[in-house]
Amino acid sequence: MIRCPKLVVRMVCFWALAGIAQSPPPPLLPPAANFSFLAKQTLNYAVDWRVFPAGQATFHLDQAGTMQHVIATAESIGAVNLLFRVNDRFESYFNRTTGCSSSFAKQLQEGRRQITSSLRFMDGKQVLQEKNLVSGISKSQEAPIPPCVTDLMSGIFYGGSQPLQPGASFHMPVADAMRVVDVTMKAEAREQVVTLAGTFQTIRVQPIADAGVVKNRGNIWIWYTDDERHMPVQMRARLFWGTITMRLVSTSSK
């Protein structure tokens, strides 16, 4: 099934909830006062479609002054790579004290599609610069946003900065390419998760949106460690044509 490799990208950017918010979303809460974001950490994941290996993904986290810097890569592997090659890179910055994103960039190579784009968040607006490397067509757009938002990738780690207790929830305004979507992060239950990186006690969290493809096509979950790190060790998307799972394989401090 040729569409499955794209879910390597969907899982890295599982916050890409298409649709326009119908009303101003709740404000982004600052990270918990006692929470510390990971620094100098690389998280490596295996990506499976149903029972088949589909790809691999990596998050690298670092800190630059007051900003948290996140770089992610995603690529298809094995037979999937022969059908539809994916080789993508994402980069974001957000403030560790407020949680507010300042920029998000991506370089996509998916089959014949090759696109580079950048989003900057400033002065109550998001500014998009995008170029199609195949056609050579470029575009630039601006749109208003709330004063403080998270982006597609930063939201994964911002989510871990909030108190996570089963039965509780919080909101995130997520900005992406001229859209702002109100995402509710619902902490559902404590679970034990076994991966190649080890066995973890976790809290399962489900992002829910009132608009977008996730609402209409399936469910997504993320498992954070039930400790002071709240490290994402597993992510899953259950869609009508199959289930994609990302499991932590290894970590390194570099």
Protein backbone atom coordinates (compact mmCIF):
# COMPACT_ATOMS: atom_id res chain seq x y z
CA MET A 1 0.00 0.00 0.00
CA ILE A 2 1.79 3.05 -1.29
CA ARG A 3 0.22 5.53 1.16
CA CYS A 4 1.70 3.93 4.25
CA PRO A 5 5.22 5.46 4.02
CA LYS A 6 3.73 8.92 4.43
CA LEU A 7 2.75 7.95 7.96
CA VAL A 8 6.41 8.14 8.94
CA VAL A 9 5.89 11.84 8.41
CA ARG A 10 2.40 11.80 9.92
CA MET A 11 3.72 10.33 13.16
CA VAL A 12 6.56 12.83 13.45
CA CYS A 13 4.08 15.60 12.72
CA PHE A 14 1.00 14.04 14.22
CA TRP A 15 -0.18 17.52 15.25
CA ALA A 16 -0.98 18.40 11.61
CA LEU A 17 -4.73 18.68 12.14
CA ALA A 18 -6.21 20.24 9.00
CA GLY A 19 -8.99 22.77 9.49
CA ILE A 20 -9.54 26.30 10.68
CA ALA A 21 -10.45 27.03 14.28
CA GLN A 22 -14.01 28.33 14.59
CA SER A 23 -13.27 30.44 17.66
CA PRO A 24 -10.13 31.70 19.41
CA PRO A 25 -8.45 28.74 21.13
CA PRO A 26 -7.61 28.82 24.85
CA PRO A 27 -4.19 30.32 25.63
CA LEU A 28 -1.09 28.16 25.78
CA LEU A 29 -0.22 27.45 29.41
CA PRO A 30 3.43 27.86 30.42
CA PRO A 31 5.41 24.71 31.22
CA ALA A 32 5.19 23.51 34.81
CA ALA A 33 7.60 25.42 37.06
CA ASN A 34 9.48 22.28 38.10
CA PHE A 35 9.74 20.79 34.61
CA SER A 36 13.04 20.62 32.70
CA PHE A 37 13.17 19.94 28.98
CA LEU A 38 15.63 17.35 27.70
CA ALA A 39 18.98 18.79 26.66
CA LYS A 40 21.61 17.16 24.45
CA GLN A 41 19.40 14.12 23.84
CA THR A 42 18.80 12.03 20.73
CA LEU A 43 15.72 9.79 20.65
CA ASN A 44 15.60 7.06 17.99
CA TYR A 45 12.36 5.33 16.98
CA ALA A 46 11.31 2.41 14.79
CA VAL A 47 8.14 2.97 12.77
CA ASP A 48 5.87 0.01 11.96
CA TRP A 49 2.79 -0.19 9.75
CA ARG A 50 0.64 -2.99 11.14
CA VAL A 51 3.33 -5.68 11.63
CA PHE A 52 5.71 -4.47 8.91
CA PRO A 53 8.75 -2.19 9.39
CA ALA A 54 7.99 1.05 7.54
CA GLY A 55 10.63 3.55 8.58
CA GLN A 56 12.73 5.17 11.26
CA ALA A 57 12.55 8.55 12.97
CA THR A 58 14.91 10.55 15.16
CA PHE A 59 14.44 13.55 17.44
CA HIS A 60 17.48 15.53 18.53
CA LEU A 61 16.97 18.02 21.36
CA ASP A 62 19.32 20.80 22.37
CA GLN A 63 19.13 24.19 24.04
CA ALA A 64 20.19 27.61 22.74
CA GLY A 65 19.91 30.33 25.37
CA THR A 66 16.26 30.44 26.47
CA MET A 67 15.14 28.39 23.47
CA GLN A 68 14.57 24.66 23.07
CA HIS A 69 15.84 23.43 19.71
CA VAL A 70 14.31 20.29 18.16
CA ILE A 71 15.45 18.58 14.95
CA ALA A 72 13.60 15.54 13.60
CA THR A 73 14.26 13.29 10.65
CA ALA A 74 12.05 10.61 9.12
CA GLU A 75 12.86 8.12 6.40
CA SER A 76 11.31 5.03 4.89
CA ILE A 77 13.16 1.70 4.93
CA GLY A 78 13.12 -1.73 3.29
CA ALA A 79 10.39 -2.64 0.82
CA VAL A 80 8.47 0.53 1.67
CA ASN A 81 11.46 2.58 0.54
CA LEU A 82 11.33 0.90 -2.87
CA LEU A 83 7.66 1.75 -3.30
CA PHE A 84 7.69 5.32 -2.01
CA ARG A 85 10.81 6.96 -0.69
CA VAL A 86 10.51 9.34 2.25
CA ASN A 87 13.42 11.43 3.51
CA ASP A 88 12.24 14.41 5.56
CA ARG A 89 13.75 16.86 8.01
CA PHE A 90 11.98 19.15 10.51
CA GLU A 91 13.33 21.87 12.81
CA SER A 92 11.67 24.02 15.46
CA TYR A 93 12.49 26.46 18.25
CA PHE A 94 10.34 27.30 21.26
CA ASN A 95 10.80 29.21 24.51
CA ARG A 96 11.42 26.86 27.46
CA THR A 97 9.79 29.28 29.94
CA THR A 98 6.62 30.19 28.04
CA GLY A 99 6.27 27.26 25.61
CA CYS A 100 5.74 29.73 22.73
CA SER A 101 7.13 28.63 19.38
CA SER A 102 9.27 31.02 17.36
CA SER A 103 9.81 29.01 14.16
CA PHE A 104 9.17 25.73 12.38
CA ALA A 105 10.86 24.56 9.16
CA LYS A 106 10.64 21.42 7.05
CA GLN A 107 12.34 19.83 4.05
CA LEU A 108 10.18 17.15 2.45
CA GLN A 109 11.21 14.51 -0.05
CA GLU A 110 8.30 12.14 -0.57
CA GLY A 111 8.33 10.25 -3.84
CA ARG A 112 8.55 12.91 -6.56
CA ARG A 113 7.44 15.65 -4.17
CA GLN A 114 10.19 17.96 -2.87
CA ILE A 115 9.27 21.01 -0.82
CA THR A 116 11.05 23.32 1.61
CA SER A 117 9.16 25.70 3.87
CA SER A 118 9.59 27.82 6.97
CA LEU A 119 7.13 29.35 9.42
CA ARG A 120 8.02 32.24 11.70
CA PHE A 121 5.78 33.32 14.57
CA MET A 122 6.05 36.95 15.62
CA ASP A 123 3.98 40.05 16.39
CA GLY A 124 0.69 38.15 16.34
CA LYS A 125 1.16 36.59 12.92
CA GLN A 126 2.69 33.59 11.21
CA VAL A 127 4.79 34.12 8.09
CA LEU A 128 5.16 31.27 5.61
CA GLN A 129 7.91 30.95 2.98
CA GLU A 130 7.62 27.87 0.77
CA LYS A 131 9.27 26.57 -2.39
CA ASN A 132 8.45 23.58 -4.58
CA LEU A 133 11.85 22.27 -5.65
CA VAL A 134 10.37 20.31 -8.57
CA SER A 135 8.35 23.10 -10.19
CA GLY A 136 10.46 25.97 -8.87
CA ILE A 137 7.33 27.79 -7.68
CA SER A 138 7.67 29.83 -4.47
CA LYS A 139 5.03 31.43 -2.28
CA SER A 140 4.85 33.72 0.72
CA GLN A 141 1.85 34.14 3.03
CA GLU A 142 0.91 35.81 6.32
CA ALA A 143 -1.95 35.11 8.71
CA PRO A 144 -2.90 36.28 12.22
CA ILE A 145 -2.36 33.98 15.20
CA PRO A 146 -2.78 34.22 18.99
CA PRO A 147 0.17 35.78 20.86
CA CYS A 148 1.52 32.37 21.95
CA VAL A 149 1.14 29.11 20.03
CA THR A 150 3.00 25.84 19.66
CA ASP A 151 3.93 24.29 16.32
CA LEU A 152 3.55 20.83 14.82
CA MET A 153 6.73 19.36 16.29
CA SER A 154 7.31 21.45 19.42
CA GLY A 155 3.86 20.40 20.59
CA ILE A 156 5.08 16.84 21.18
CA PHE A 157 7.58 18.03 23.78
CA TYR A 158 5.52 20.94 25.10
CA GLY A 159 2.82 18.38 25.90
CA GLY A 160 5.21 16.63 28.24
CA SER A 161 5.82 19.88 30.14
CA GLN A 162 2.32 19.85 31.63
CA PRO A 163 1.19 17.87 34.71
CA LEU A 164 -0.05 14.52 33.41
CA GLN A 165 -2.60 12.81 35.61
CA PRO A 166 -5.19 10.31 34.33
CA GLY A 167 -8.53 12.01 33.88
CA ALA A 168 -7.03 15.50 33.45
CA SER A 169 -6.65 17.45 30.20
CA PHE A 170 -5.24 20.70 28.84
CA HIS A 171 -5.44 22.71 25.61
CA MET A 172 -2.82 23.66 23.02
CA PRO A 173 -3.29 26.17 20.18
CA VAL A 174 -1.31 24.52 17.36
CA ALA A 175 -0.25 26.66 14.37
CA ASP A 176 0.55 25.19 10.96
CA ALA A 177 0.59 26.88 7.55
CA MET A 178 -2.07 29.54 8.00
CA ARG A 179 -4.17 27.51 10.45
CA VAL A 180 -4.57 27.45 14.23
CA VAL A 181 -6.25 24.36 15.72
CA ASP A 182 -7.35 23.92 19.34
CA VAL A 183 -5.96 20.54 20.42
CA THR A 184 -7.10 19.00 23.71
CA MET A 185 -4.53 16.71 25.34
CA LYS A 186 -6.43 14.13 27.38
CA ALA A 187 -4.45 12.00 29.85
CA GLU A 188 -6.26 8.68 29.82
CA ALA A 189 -4.46 6.03 31.89
CA ARG A 190 -1.20 4.67 33.24
CA GLU A 191 0.28 1.80 31.21
CA GLN A 192 3.47 -0.22 31.04
CA VAL A 193 5.15 0.01 27.63
CA VAL A 194 7.87 -2.36 26.44
CA THR A 195 10.26 -1.17 23.70
CA LEU A 196 13.76 -2.05 22.54
CA ALA A 197 14.97 0.84 24.70
CA GLY A 198 13.51 -0.78 27.84
CA THR A 199 10.34 -1.16 29.87
CA PHE A 200 8.66 2.07 30.91
CA GLN A 201 5.83 3.10 33.21
CA THR A 202 3.89 5.63 31.17
CA ILE A 203 0.84 7.85 30.96
CA ARG A 204 -1.18 7.46 27.76
CA VAL A 205 -2.32 10.79 26.32
CA GLN A 206 -4.74 11.30 23.43
CA PRO A 207 -4.75 14.53 21.40
CA ILE A 208 -8.28 15.46 20.32
CA ALA A 209 -9.37 18.21 17.92
CA ASP A 210 -12.81 19.53 16.98
CA ALA A 211 -11.68 19.95 13.38
CA GLY A 212 -9.36 18.21 10.99
CA VAL A 213 -8.43 14.88 9.48
CA VAL A 214 -7.63 13.24 12.82
CA LYS A 215 -11.18 13.82 14.05
CA ASN A 216 -12.65 12.23 10.93
CA ARG A 217 -10.23 9.39 10.22
CA GLY A 218 -8.94 7.83 13.38
CA ASN A 219 -7.24 8.19 16.75
CA ILE A 220 -3.77 9.15 17.91
CA TRP A 221 -2.03 8.48 21.22
CA ILE A 222 1.31 9.32 22.77
CA TRP A 223 2.85 7.56 25.78
CA TYR A 224 4.98 9.75 28.07
CA THR A 225 7.15 8.28 30.82
CA ASP A 226 5.48 8.58 34.22
CA ASP A 227 8.40 10.42 35.80
CA GLU A 228 9.89 13.90 35.86
CA ARG A 229 11.12 13.60 32.24
CA HIS A 230 7.79 12.88 30.51
CA MET A 231 9.77 11.47 27.61
CA PRO A 232 7.71 10.24 24.63
CA VAL A 233 8.49 6.51 24.28
CA GLN A 234 5.64 5.46 21.99
CA MET A 235 3.21 7.07 19.54
CA ARG A 236 0.38 5.45 17.62
CA ALA A 237 -2.08 6.43 14.90
CA ARG A 238 -5.05 4.14 14.32
CA LEU A 239 -6.62 4.97 10.98
CA PHE A 240 -9.26 3.26 8.85
CA TRP A 241 -6.62 1.52 6.67
CA GLY A 242 -4.22 0.42 9.39
CA THR A 243 -2.22 1.29 12.49
CA ILE A 244 1.14 3.07 12.54
CA THR A 245 3.27 2.80 15.68
CA MET A 246 6.51 4.57 16.66
CA ARG A 247 8.47 2.87 19.45
CA LEU A 248 11.61 4.15 21.13
CA VAL A 249 14.65 2.09 20.15
CA SER A 250 17.49 3.94 21.85
CA THR A 251 18.58 7.24 23.38
CA SER A 252 21.94 8.99 23.57
CA SER A 253 23.27 12.10 25.29
CA LYS A 254 24.80 13.90 22.33
